[in-house]
Amino acid sequence: ETSEVRGADAEILDPKGRIAVENVHYLHPGRAEPVLLGVSF
């Protein structure tokens, strides 16, 4: 539950390689403070 991210079986057709990070927050399990706060690029 904490380490495996299972996809919904969407497929990438003709990949270009565009990466968009939108307001990402991440908190490690068992920690009180987030590791990432609102990262976007």
PDB file of all heavy atoms in Angstrom:
ATOM      1  N   GLU A   1       0.819  -1.207   0.000  1.00  0.00           N
ATOM      2  CA  GLU A   1       0.000   0.000   0.000  1.00  0.00           C
ATOM      3  C   GLU A   1       0.853   1.257   0.000  1.00  0.00           C
ATOM      4  O   GLU A   1       0.506   2.271  -0.602  1.00  0.00           O
ATOM      5  CB  GLU A   1      -0.918  -0.012   1.223  1.00  0.00           C
ATOM      6  CG  GLU A   1      -1.936   1.112   1.241  1.00  0.00           C
ATOM      7  CD  GLU A   1      -2.884   0.975   2.427  1.00  0.00           C
ATOM      8  OE1 GLU A   1      -3.257  -0.158   2.767  1.00  0.00           O
ATOM      9  OE2 GLU A   1      -3.235   2.007   3.010  1.00  0.00           O
ATOM     10  N   THR A   2       2.007   1.198   0.692  1.00  0.00           N
ATOM     11  CA  THR A   2       2.842   2.393   0.800  1.00  0.00           C
ATOM     12  C   THR A   2       3.911   2.493  -0.268  1.00  0.00           C
ATOM     13  O   THR A   2       4.409   3.578  -0.547  1.00  0.00           O
ATOM     14  CB  THR A   2       3.543   2.424   2.177  1.00  0.00           C
ATOM     15  OG1 THR A   2       4.295   1.220   2.349  1.00  0.00           O
ATOM     16  CG2 THR A   2       2.521   2.543   3.281  1.00  0.00           C
ATOM     17  N   SER A   3       4.291   1.359  -0.895  1.00  0.00           N
ATOM     18  CA  SER A   3       5.441   1.427  -1.792  1.00  0.00           C
ATOM     19  C   SER A   3       5.129   1.104  -3.242  1.00  0.00           C
ATOM     20  O   SER A   3       5.894   1.479  -4.118  1.00  0.00           O
ATOM     21  CB  SER A   3       6.529   0.455  -1.318  1.00  0.00           C
ATOM     22  OG  SER A   3       6.063  -0.873  -1.406  1.00  0.00           O
ATOM     23  N   GLU A   4       4.028   0.397  -3.495  1.00  0.00           N
ATOM     24  CA  GLU A   4       3.739   0.031  -4.876  1.00  0.00           C
ATOM     25  C   GLU A   4       2.644   0.920  -5.427  1.00  0.00           C
ATOM     26  O   GLU A   4       1.600   1.103  -4.820  1.00  0.00           O
ATOM     27  CB  GLU A   4       3.299  -1.432  -4.984  1.00  0.00           C
ATOM     28  CG  GLU A   4       3.005  -1.828  -6.417  1.00  0.00           C
ATOM     29  CD  GLU A   4       2.603  -3.278  -6.557  1.00  0.00           C
ATOM     30  OE1 GLU A   4       2.854  -4.038  -5.624  1.00  0.00           O
ATOM     31  OE2 GLU A   4       2.026  -3.635  -7.594  1.00  0.00           O
ATOM     32  N   VAL A   5       2.881   1.495  -6.587  1.00  0.00           N
ATOM     33  CA  VAL A   5       1.892   2.325  -7.250  1.00  0.00           C
ATOM     34  C   VAL A   5       1.388   1.552  -8.454  1.00  0.00           C
ATOM     35  O   VAL A   5       2.094   1.417  -9.452  1.00  0.00           O
ATOM     36  CB  VAL A   5       2.495   3.681  -7.685  1.00  0.00           C
ATOM     37  CG1 VAL A   5       1.427   4.541  -8.315  1.00  0.00           C
ATOM     38  CG2 VAL A   5       3.115   4.389  -6.490  1.00  0.00           C
ATOM     39  N   ARG A   6       0.190   1.050  -8.350  1.00  0.00           N
ATOM     40  CA  ARG A   6      -0.357   0.249  -9.434  1.00  0.00           C
ATOM     41  C   ARG A   6      -1.140   1.142 -10.383  1.00  0.00           C
ATOM     42  O   ARG A   6      -1.991   1.920  -9.972  1.00  0.00           O
ATOM     43  CB  ARG A   6      -1.293  -0.822  -8.871  1.00  0.00           C
ATOM     44  CG  ARG A   6      -1.960  -1.686  -9.950  1.00  0.00           C
ATOM     45  CD  ARG A   6      -0.942  -2.527 -10.700  1.00  0.00           C
ATOM     46  NE  ARG A   6      -1.479  -3.031 -11.953  1.00  0.00           N
ATOM     47  CZ  ARG A   6      -0.790  -3.748 -12.815  1.00  0.00           C
ATOM     48  NH1 ARG A   6       0.470  -4.035 -12.567  1.00  0.00           N
ATOM     49  NH2 ARG A   6      -1.312  -4.173 -13.929  1.00  0.00           N
ATOM     50  N   GLY A   7      -0.830   1.065 -11.652  1.00  0.00           N
ATOM     51  CA  GLY A   7      -1.498   1.893 -12.641  1.00  0.00           C
ATOM     52  C   GLY A   7      -2.888   1.393 -12.972  1.00  0.00           C
ATOM     53  O   GLY A   7      -3.305   0.319 -12.588  1.00  0.00           O
ATOM     54  N   ALA A   8      -3.637   2.211 -13.691  1.00  0.00           N
ATOM     55  CA  ALA A   8      -4.995   1.868 -14.100  1.00  0.00           C
ATOM     56  C   ALA A   8      -4.993   1.352 -15.529  1.00  0.00           C
ATOM     57  O   ALA A   8      -5.989   1.433 -16.220  1.00  0.00           O
ATOM     58  CB  ALA A   8      -5.901   3.080 -13.953  1.00  0.00           C
ATOM     59  N   ASP A   9      -3.817   0.860 -15.976  1.00  0.00           N
ATOM     60  CA  ASP A   9      -3.685   0.199 -17.278  1.00  0.00           C
ATOM     61  C   ASP A   9      -3.865   1.153 -18.451  1.00  0.00           C
ATOM     62  O   ASP A   9      -4.238   0.730 -19.547  1.00  0.00           O
ATOM     63  CB  ASP A   9      -4.668  -0.968 -17.392  1.00  0.00           C
ATOM     64  CG  ASP A   9      -4.358  -2.057 -16.381  1.00  0.00           C
ATOM     65  OD1 ASP A   9      -3.220  -2.103 -15.894  1.00  0.00           O
ATOM     66  OD2 ASP A   9      -5.242  -2.844 -16.092  1.00  0.00           O
ATOM     67  N   ALA A  10      -3.618   2.455 -18.243  1.00  0.00           N
ATOM     68  CA  ALA A  10      -3.543   3.361 -19.389  1.00  0.00           C
ATOM     69  C   ALA A  10      -2.245   3.070 -20.134  1.00  0.00           C
ATOM     70  O   ALA A  10      -1.258   2.624 -19.555  1.00  0.00           O
ATOM     71  CB  ALA A  10      -3.576   4.815 -18.923  1.00  0.00           C
ATOM     72  N   GLU A  11      -2.223   3.326 -21.431  1.00  0.00           N
ATOM     73  CA  GLU A  11      -1.043   3.046 -22.235  1.00  0.00           C
ATOM     74  C   GLU A  11      -0.494   4.329 -22.835  1.00  0.00           C
ATOM     75  O   GLU A  11      -1.231   5.277 -23.095  1.00  0.00           O
ATOM     76  CB  GLU A  11      -1.387   2.060 -23.363  1.00  0.00           C
ATOM     77  CG  GLU A  11      -1.738   0.670 -22.863  1.00  0.00           C
ATOM     78  CD  GLU A  11      -1.937  -0.306 -24.004  1.00  0.00           C
ATOM     79  OE1 GLU A  11      -1.761   0.114 -25.165  1.00  0.00           O
ATOM     80  OE2 GLU A  11      -2.265  -1.476 -23.734  1.00  0.00           O
ATOM     81  N   ILE A  12       0.822   4.334 -23.045  1.00  0.00           N
ATOM     82  CA  ILE A  12       1.475   5.470 -23.678  1.00  0.00           C
ATOM     83  C   ILE A  12       1.648   5.156 -25.154  1.00  0.00           C
ATOM     84  O   ILE A  12       2.338   4.213 -25.521  1.00  0.00           O
ATOM     85  CB  ILE A  12       2.855   5.746 -23.024  1.00  0.00           C
ATOM     86  CG1 ILE A  12       2.701   5.911 -21.510  1.00  0.00           C
ATOM     87  CG2 ILE A  12       3.484   6.975 -23.636  1.00  0.00           C
ATOM     88  CD1 ILE A  12       4.019   5.969 -20.780  1.00  0.00           C
ATOM     89  N   LEU A  13       1.016   5.936 -25.990  1.00  0.00           N
ATOM     90  CA  LEU A  13       1.124   5.750 -27.434  1.00  0.00           C
ATOM     91  C   LEU A  13       2.011   6.844 -28.014  1.00  0.00           C
ATOM     92  O   LEU A  13       1.787   8.031 -27.745  1.00  0.00           O
ATOM     93  CB  LEU A  13      -0.268   5.784 -28.081  1.00  0.00           C
ATOM     94  CG  LEU A  13      -1.270   4.737 -27.549  1.00  0.00           C
ATOM     95  CD1 LEU A  13      -2.634   4.930 -28.194  1.00  0.00           C
ATOM     96  CD2 LEU A  13      -0.754   3.329 -27.803  1.00  0.00           C
ATOM     97  N   ASP A  14       2.998   6.449 -28.785  1.00  0.00           N
ATOM     98  CA  ASP A  14       3.924   7.397 -29.408  1.00  0.00           C
ATOM     99  C   ASP A  14       4.477   8.374 -28.370  1.00  0.00           C
ATOM    100  O   ASP A  14       4.207   9.574 -28.406  1.00  0.00           O
ATOM    101  CB  ASP A  14       3.211   8.170 -30.527  1.00  0.00           C
ATOM    102  CG  ASP A  14       4.194   9.002 -31.346  1.00  0.00           C
ATOM    103  OD1 ASP A  14       5.396   8.670 -31.357  1.00  0.00           O
ATOM    104  OD2 ASP A  14       3.751   9.991 -31.962  1.00  0.00           O
ATOM    105  N   PRO A  15       5.266   7.885 -27.395  1.00  0.00           N
ATOM    106  CA  PRO A  15       5.750   8.742 -26.304  1.00  0.00           C
ATOM    107  C   PRO A  15       6.647   9.870 -26.799  1.00  0.00           C
ATOM    108  O   PRO A  15       7.506   9.670 -27.652  1.00  0.00           O
ATOM    109  CB  PRO A  15       6.529   7.773 -25.409  1.00  0.00           C
ATOM    110  CG  PRO A  15       6.932   6.663 -26.328  1.00  0.00           C
ATOM    111  CD  PRO A  15       5.813   6.519 -27.312  1.00  0.00           C
ATOM    112  N   LYS A  16       6.425  11.057 -26.257  1.00  0.00           N
ATOM    113  CA  LYS A  16       7.237  12.231 -26.588  1.00  0.00           C
ATOM    114  C   LYS A  16       8.233  12.564 -25.483  1.00  0.00           C
ATOM    115  O   LYS A  16       9.337  13.029 -25.753  1.00  0.00           O
ATOM    116  CB  LYS A  16       6.329  13.436 -26.826  1.00  0.00           C
ATOM    117  CG  LYS A  16       5.272  13.214 -27.913  1.00  0.00           C
ATOM    118  CD  LYS A  16       5.905  12.938 -29.263  1.00  0.00           C
ATOM    119  CE  LYS A  16       4.825  12.773 -30.334  1.00  0.00           C
ATOM    120  NZ  LYS A  16       5.407  12.397 -31.657  1.00  0.00           N
ATOM    121  N   GLY A  17       7.794  12.365 -24.210  1.00  0.00           N
ATOM    122  CA  GLY A  17       8.696  12.636 -23.093  1.00  0.00           C
ATOM    123  C   GLY A  17       8.429  13.948 -22.393  1.00  0.00           C
ATOM    124  O   GLY A  17       9.305  14.461 -21.703  1.00  0.00           O
ATOM    125  N   ARG A  18       7.231  14.498 -22.521  1.00  0.00           N
ATOM    126  CA  ARG A  18       6.898  15.731 -21.802  1.00  0.00           C
ATOM    127  C   ARG A  18       6.538  15.382 -20.365  1.00  0.00           C
ATOM    128  O   ARG A  18       5.691  14.535 -20.094  1.00  0.00           O
ATOM    129  CB  ARG A  18       5.730  16.452 -22.470  1.00  0.00           C
ATOM    130  CG  ARG A  18       5.434  17.824 -21.860  1.00  0.00           C
ATOM    131  CD  ARG A  18       4.269  18.493 -22.578  1.00  0.00           C
ATOM    132  NE  ARG A  18       4.139  19.890 -22.187  1.00  0.00           N
ATOM    133  CZ  ARG A  18       3.417  20.300 -21.143  1.00  0.00           C
ATOM    134  NH1 ARG A  18       2.761  19.408 -20.399  1.00  0.00           N
ATOM    135  NH2 ARG A  18       3.344  21.585 -20.854  1.00  0.00           N
ATOM    136  N   ILE A  19       7.188  16.055 -19.426  1.00  0.00           N
ATOM    137  CA  ILE A  19       6.948  15.826 -18.000  1.00  0.00           C
ATOM    138  C   ILE A  19       6.375  17.103 -17.395  1.00  0.00           C
ATOM    139  O   ILE A  19       6.944  18.186 -17.542  1.00  0.00           O
ATOM    140  CB  ILE A  19       8.240  15.444 -17.262  1.00  0.00           C
ATOM    141  CG1 ILE A  19       8.748  14.081 -17.750  1.00  0.00           C
ATOM    142  CG2 ILE A  19       8.019  15.411 -15.757  1.00  0.00           C
ATOM    143  CD1 ILE A  19       7.873  12.927 -17.374  1.00  0.00           C
ATOM    144  N   ALA A  20       5.237  16.967 -16.725  1.00  0.00           N
ATOM    145  CA  ALA A  20       4.610  18.102 -16.046  1.00  0.00           C
ATOM    146  C   ALA A  20       4.341  17.720 -14.598  1.00  0.00           C
ATOM    147  O   ALA A  20       3.616  16.752 -14.332  1.00  0.00           O
ATOM    148  CB  ALA A  20       3.312  18.495 -16.748  1.00  0.00           C
ATOM    149  N   VAL A  21       4.936  18.441 -13.679  1.00  0.00           N
ATOM    150  CA  VAL A  21       4.730  18.225 -12.246  1.00  0.00           C
ATOM    151  C   VAL A  21       3.844  19.345 -11.740  1.00  0.00           C
ATOM    152  O   VAL A  21       4.192  20.527 -11.852  1.00  0.00           O
ATOM    153  CB  VAL A  21       6.077  18.194 -11.497  1.00  0.00           C
ATOM    154  CG1 VAL A  21       5.851  18.048 -10.002  1.00  0.00           C
ATOM    155  CG2 VAL A  21       6.945  17.057 -12.017  1.00  0.00           C
ATOM    156  N   GLU A  22       2.687  18.987 -11.192  1.00  0.00           N
ATOM    157  CA  GLU A  22       1.667  19.973 -10.839  1.00  0.00           C
ATOM    158  C   GLU A  22       1.386  19.952  -9.345  1.00  0.00           C
ATOM    159  O   GLU A  22       0.733  19.044  -8.839  1.00  0.00           O
ATOM    160  CB  GLU A  22       0.375  19.676 -11.618  1.00  0.00           C
ATOM    161  CG  GLU A  22       0.570  19.655 -13.131  1.00  0.00           C
ATOM    162  CD  GLU A  22      -0.639  19.114 -13.872  1.00  0.00           C
ATOM    163  OE1 GLU A  22      -1.597  18.663 -13.202  1.00  0.00           O
ATOM    164  OE2 GLU A  22      -0.633  19.129 -15.115  1.00  0.00           O
ATOM    165  N   ASN A  23       1.917  20.923  -8.628  1.00  0.00           N
ATOM    166  CA  ASN A  23       1.623  21.147  -7.207  1.00  0.00           C
ATOM    167  C   ASN A  23       1.748  19.855  -6.387  1.00  0.00           C
ATOM    168  O   ASN A  23       0.840  19.456  -5.660  1.00  0.00           O
ATOM    169  CB  ASN A  23       0.212  21.726  -7.052  1.00  0.00           C
ATOM    170  CG  ASN A  23      -0.036  22.282  -5.650  1.00  0.00           C
ATOM    171  OD1 ASN A  23       0.880  22.778  -4.996  1.00  0.00           O
ATOM    172  ND2 ASN A  23      -1.270  22.172  -5.182  1.00  0.00           N
ATOM    173  N   VAL A  24       2.890  19.210  -6.500  1.00  0.00           N
ATOM    174  CA  VAL A  24       3.100  17.904  -5.857  1.00  0.00           C
ATOM    175  C   VAL A  24       3.510  18.082  -4.397  1.00  0.00           C
ATOM    176  O   VAL A  24       4.420  18.853  -4.074  1.00  0.00           O
ATOM    177  CB  VAL A  24       4.161  17.098  -6.627  1.00  0.00           C
ATOM    178  CG1 VAL A  24       4.693  15.954  -5.774  1.00  0.00           C
ATOM    179  CG2 VAL A  24       3.566  16.549  -7.914  1.00  0.00           C
ATOM    180  N   HIS A  25       2.814  17.352  -3.538  1.00  0.00           N
ATOM    181  CA  HIS A  25       3.174  17.234  -2.121  1.00  0.00           C
ATOM    182  C   HIS A  25       3.437  15.766  -1.831  1.00  0.00           C
ATOM    183  O   HIS A  25       2.732  14.891  -2.346  1.00  0.00           O
ATOM    184  CB  HIS A  25       2.034  17.713  -1.208  1.00  0.00           C
ATOM    185  CG  HIS A  25       1.747  19.190  -1.312  1.00  0.00           C
ATOM    186  ND1 HIS A  25       1.223  19.772  -2.456  1.00  0.00           N
ATOM    187  CD2 HIS A  25       1.913  20.198  -0.403  1.00  0.00           C
ATOM    188  CE1 HIS A  25       1.069  21.065  -2.249  1.00  0.00           C
ATOM    189  NE2 HIS A  25       1.476  21.346  -1.017  1.00  0.00           N
ATOM    190  N   TYR A  26       4.416  15.509  -0.963  1.00  0.00           N
ATOM    191  CA  TYR A  26       4.671  14.118  -0.581  1.00  0.00           C
ATOM    192  C   TYR A  26       5.107  14.058   0.872  1.00  0.00           C
ATOM    193  O   TYR A  26       5.962  14.824   1.324  1.00  0.00           O
ATOM    194  CB  TYR A  26       5.741  13.464  -1.454  1.00  0.00           C
ATOM    195  CG  TYR A  26       5.888  11.992  -1.143  1.00  0.00           C
ATOM    196  CD1 TYR A  26       4.964  11.079  -1.622  1.00  0.00           C
ATOM    197  CD2 TYR A  26       6.915  11.538  -0.325  1.00  0.00           C
ATOM    198  CE1 TYR A  26       5.056   9.734  -1.314  1.00  0.00           C
ATOM    199  CE2 TYR A  26       7.018  10.188  -0.007  1.00  0.00           C
ATOM    200  CZ  TYR A  26       6.092   9.292  -0.510  1.00  0.00           C
ATOM    201  OH  TYR A  26       6.185   7.962  -0.181  1.00  0.00           O
ATOM    202  N   LEU A  27       4.489  13.102   1.586  1.00  0.00           N
ATOM    203  CA  LEU A  27       4.802  12.865   2.996  1.00  0.00           C
ATOM    204  C   LEU A  27       5.167  11.399   3.162  1.00  0.00           C
ATOM    205  O   LEU A  27       4.367  10.518   2.847  1.00  0.00           O
ATOM    206  CB  LEU A  27       3.592  13.207   3.875  1.00  0.00           C
ATOM    207  CG  LEU A  27       3.718  12.891   5.366  1.00  0.00           C
ATOM    208  CD1 LEU A  27       4.766  13.798   6.012  1.00  0.00           C
ATOM    209  CD2 LEU A  27       2.370  13.058   6.066  1.00  0.00           C
ATOM    210  N   HIS A  28       6.384  11.128   3.644  1.00  0.00           N
ATOM    211  CA  HIS A  28       6.788   9.751   3.880  1.00  0.00           C
ATOM    212  C   HIS A  28       5.961   9.157   5.017  1.00  0.00           C
ATOM    213  O   HIS A  28       5.693   9.840   6.017  1.00  0.00           O
ATOM    214  CB  HIS A  28       8.269   9.678   4.252  1.00  0.00           C
ATOM    215  CG  HIS A  28       9.188   9.794   3.078  1.00  0.00           C
ATOM    216  ND1 HIS A  28       9.160   8.916   2.021  1.00  0.00           N
ATOM    217  CD2 HIS A  28      10.171  10.698   2.788  1.00  0.00           C
ATOM    218  CE1 HIS A  28      10.073   9.262   1.132  1.00  0.00           C
ATOM    219  NE2 HIS A  28      10.691  10.335   1.562  1.00  0.00           N
ATOM    220  N   PRO A  29       5.523   7.895   4.891  1.00  0.00           N
ATOM    221  CA  PRO A  29       4.762   7.259   5.976  1.00  0.00           C
ATOM    222  C   PRO A  29       5.541   7.289   7.284  1.00  0.00           C
ATOM    223  O   PRO A  29       6.733   6.987   7.322  1.00  0.00           O
ATOM    224  CB  PRO A  29       4.570   5.819   5.473  1.00  0.00           C
ATOM    225  CG  PRO A  29       4.689   5.917   3.981  1.00  0.00           C
ATOM    226  CD  PRO A  29       5.685   7.009   3.724  1.00  0.00           C
ATOM    227  N   GLY A  30       4.850   7.650   8.351  1.00  0.00           N
ATOM    228  CA  GLY A  30       5.487   7.686   9.660  1.00  0.00           C
ATOM    229  C   GLY A  30       6.195   8.985   9.994  1.00  0.00           C
ATOM    230  O   GLY A  30       6.729   9.132  11.090  1.00  0.00           O
ATOM    231  N   ARG A  31       6.214   9.945   9.047  1.00  0.00           N
ATOM    232  CA  ARG A  31       6.860  11.234   9.307  1.00  0.00           C
ATOM    233  C   ARG A  31       5.814  12.328   9.433  1.00  0.00           C
ATOM    234  O   ARG A  31       4.764  12.292   8.781  1.00  0.00           O
ATOM    235  CB  ARG A  31       7.852  11.567   8.194  1.00  0.00           C
ATOM    236  CG  ARG A  31       9.063  10.661   8.177  1.00  0.00           C
ATOM    237  CD  ARG A  31      10.096  11.108   7.174  1.00  0.00           C
ATOM    238  NE  ARG A  31      10.535  12.483   7.377  1.00  0.00           N
ATOM    239  CZ  ARG A  31      11.495  13.072   6.670  1.00  0.00           C
ATOM    240  NH1 ARG A  31      12.110  12.397   5.718  1.00  0.00           N
ATOM    241  NH2 ARG A  31      11.842  14.311   6.904  1.00  0.00           N
ATOM    242  N   ALA A  32       6.115  13.309  10.267  1.00  0.00           N
ATOM    243  CA  ALA A  32       5.150  14.382  10.519  1.00  0.00           C
ATOM    244  C   ALA A  32       5.253  15.495   9.495  1.00  0.00           C
ATOM    245  O   ALA A  32       4.254  16.130   9.138  1.00  0.00           O
ATOM    246  CB  ALA A  32       5.346  14.944  11.933  1.00  0.00           C
ATOM    247  N   GLU A  33       6.463  15.751   8.987  1.00  0.00           N
ATOM    248  CA  GLU A  33       6.671  16.860   8.072  1.00  0.00           C
ATOM    249  C   GLU A  33       6.765  16.369   6.631  1.00  0.00           C
ATOM    250  O   GLU A  33       7.449  15.374   6.355  1.00  0.00           O
ATOM    251  CB  GLU A  33       7.959  17.621   8.432  1.00  0.00           C
ATOM    252  CG  GLU A  33       7.917  18.295   9.800  1.00  0.00           C
ATOM    253  CD  GLU A  33       6.858  19.378   9.875  1.00  0.00           C
ATOM    254  OE1 GLU A  33       6.621  20.039   8.846  1.00  0.00           O
ATOM    255  OE2 GLU A  33       6.275  19.559  10.959  1.00  0.00           O
ATOM    256  N   PRO A  34       6.104  17.047   5.698  1.00  0.00           N
ATOM    257  CA  PRO A  34       6.196  16.651   4.283  1.00  0.00           C
ATOM    258  C   PRO A  34       7.614  16.810   3.752  1.00  0.00           C
ATOM    259  O   PRO A  34       8.366  17.692   4.184  1.00  0.00           O
ATOM    260  CB  PRO A  34       5.228  17.617   3.584  1.00  0.00           C
ATOM    261  CG  PRO A  34       4.350  18.149   4.666  1.00  0.00           C
ATOM    262  CD  PRO A  34       5.178  18.167   5.905  1.00  0.00           C
ATOM    263  N   VAL A  35       7.968  15.947   2.801  1.00  0.00           N
ATOM    264  CA  VAL A  35       9.271  16.038   2.154  1.00  0.00           C
ATOM    265  C   VAL A  35       9.231  17.035   1.003  1.00  0.00           C
ATOM    266  O   VAL A  35      10.193  17.765   0.762  1.00  0.00           O
ATOM    267  CB  VAL A  35       9.703  14.653   1.628  1.00  0.00           C
ATOM    268  CG1 VAL A  35      11.089  14.720   0.994  1.00  0.00           C
ATOM    269  CG2 VAL A  35       9.712  13.643   2.758  1.00  0.00           C
ATOM    270  N   LEU A  36       8.119  17.081   0.287  1.00  0.00           N
ATOM    271  CA  LEU A  36       7.935  18.010  -0.820  1.00  0.00           C
ATOM    272  C   LEU A  36       6.659  18.807  -0.609  1.00  0.00           C
ATOM    273  O   LEU A  36       5.629  18.255  -0.190  1.00  0.00           O
ATOM    274  CB  LEU A  36       7.862  17.262  -2.155  1.00  0.00           C
ATOM    275  CG  LEU A  36       9.123  16.508  -2.592  1.00  0.00           C
ATOM    276  CD1 LEU A  36       8.845  15.685  -3.838  1.00  0.00           C
ATOM    277  CD2 LEU A  36      10.271  17.485  -2.854  1.00  0.00           C
ATOM    278  N   LEU A  37       6.728  20.113  -0.915  1.00  0.00           N
ATOM    279  CA  LEU A  37       5.590  21.011  -0.693  1.00  0.00           C
ATOM    280  C   LEU A  37       5.337  21.837  -1.950  1.00  0.00           C
ATOM    281  O   LEU A  37       6.085  22.764  -2.264  1.00  0.00           O
ATOM    282  CB  LEU A  37       5.855  21.932   0.499  1.00  0.00           C
ATOM    283  CG  LEU A  37       5.877  21.274   1.889  1.00  0.00           C
ATOM    284  CD1 LEU A  37       6.540  22.197   2.896  1.00  0.00           C
ATOM    285  CD2 LEU A  37       4.457  20.964   2.315  1.00  0.00           C
ATOM    286  N   GLY A  38       4.301  21.497  -2.700  1.00  0.00           N
ATOM    287  CA  GLY A  38       3.858  22.314  -3.817  1.00  0.00           C
ATOM    288  C   GLY A  38       4.868  22.457  -4.937  1.00  0.00           C
ATOM    289  O   GLY A  38       5.021  23.552  -5.491  1.00  0.00           O
ATOM    290  N   VAL A  39       5.551  21.384  -5.301  1.00  0.00           N
ATOM    291  CA  VAL A  39       6.557  21.439  -6.367  1.00  0.00           C
ATOM    292  C   VAL A  39       5.861  21.388  -7.727  1.00  0.00           C
ATOM    293  O   VAL A  39       5.022  20.517  -7.971  1.00  0.00           O
ATOM    294  CB  VAL A  39       7.561  20.270  -6.238  1.00  0.00           C
ATOM    295  CG1 VAL A  39       8.530  20.257  -7.412  1.00  0.00           C
ATOM    296  CG2 VAL A  39       8.309  20.375  -4.917  1.00  0.00           C
ATOM    297  N   SER A  40       6.213  22.323  -8.600  1.00  0.00           N
ATOM    298  CA  SER A  40       5.645  22.368  -9.952  1.00  0.00           C
ATOM    299  C   SER A  40       6.724  22.771 -10.946  1.00  0.00           C
ATOM    300  O   SER A  40       7.530  23.658 -10.665  1.00  0.00           O
ATOM    301  CB  SER A  40       4.483  23.379 -10.029  1.00  0.00           C
ATOM    302  OG  SER A  40       3.428  23.027  -9.167  1.00  0.00           O
ATOM    303  N   PHE A  41       6.736  22.111 -12.100  1.00  0.00           N
ATOM    304  CA  PHE A  41       7.598  22.515 -13.210  1.00  0.00           C
ATOM    305  C   PHE A  41       7.186  21.725 -14.441  1.00  0.00           C
ATOM    306  O   PHE A  41       6.417  20.749 -14.357  1.00  0.00           O
ATOM    307  CB  PHE A  41       9.092  22.294 -12.892  1.00  0.00           C
ATOM    308  CG  PHE A  41       9.470  20.850 -12.657  1.00  0.00           C
ATOM    309  CD1 PHE A  41       9.793  20.011 -13.726  1.00  0.00           C
ATOM    310  CD2 PHE A  41       9.513  20.327 -11.376  1.00  0.00           C
ATOM    311  CE1 PHE A  41      10.153  18.693 -13.528  1.00  0.00           C
ATOM    312  CE2 PHE A  41       9.864  19.003 -11.165  1.00  0.00           C
ATOM    313  CZ  PHE A  41      10.181  18.191 -12.237  1.00  0.00           C
TER     314      PHE A  41
END
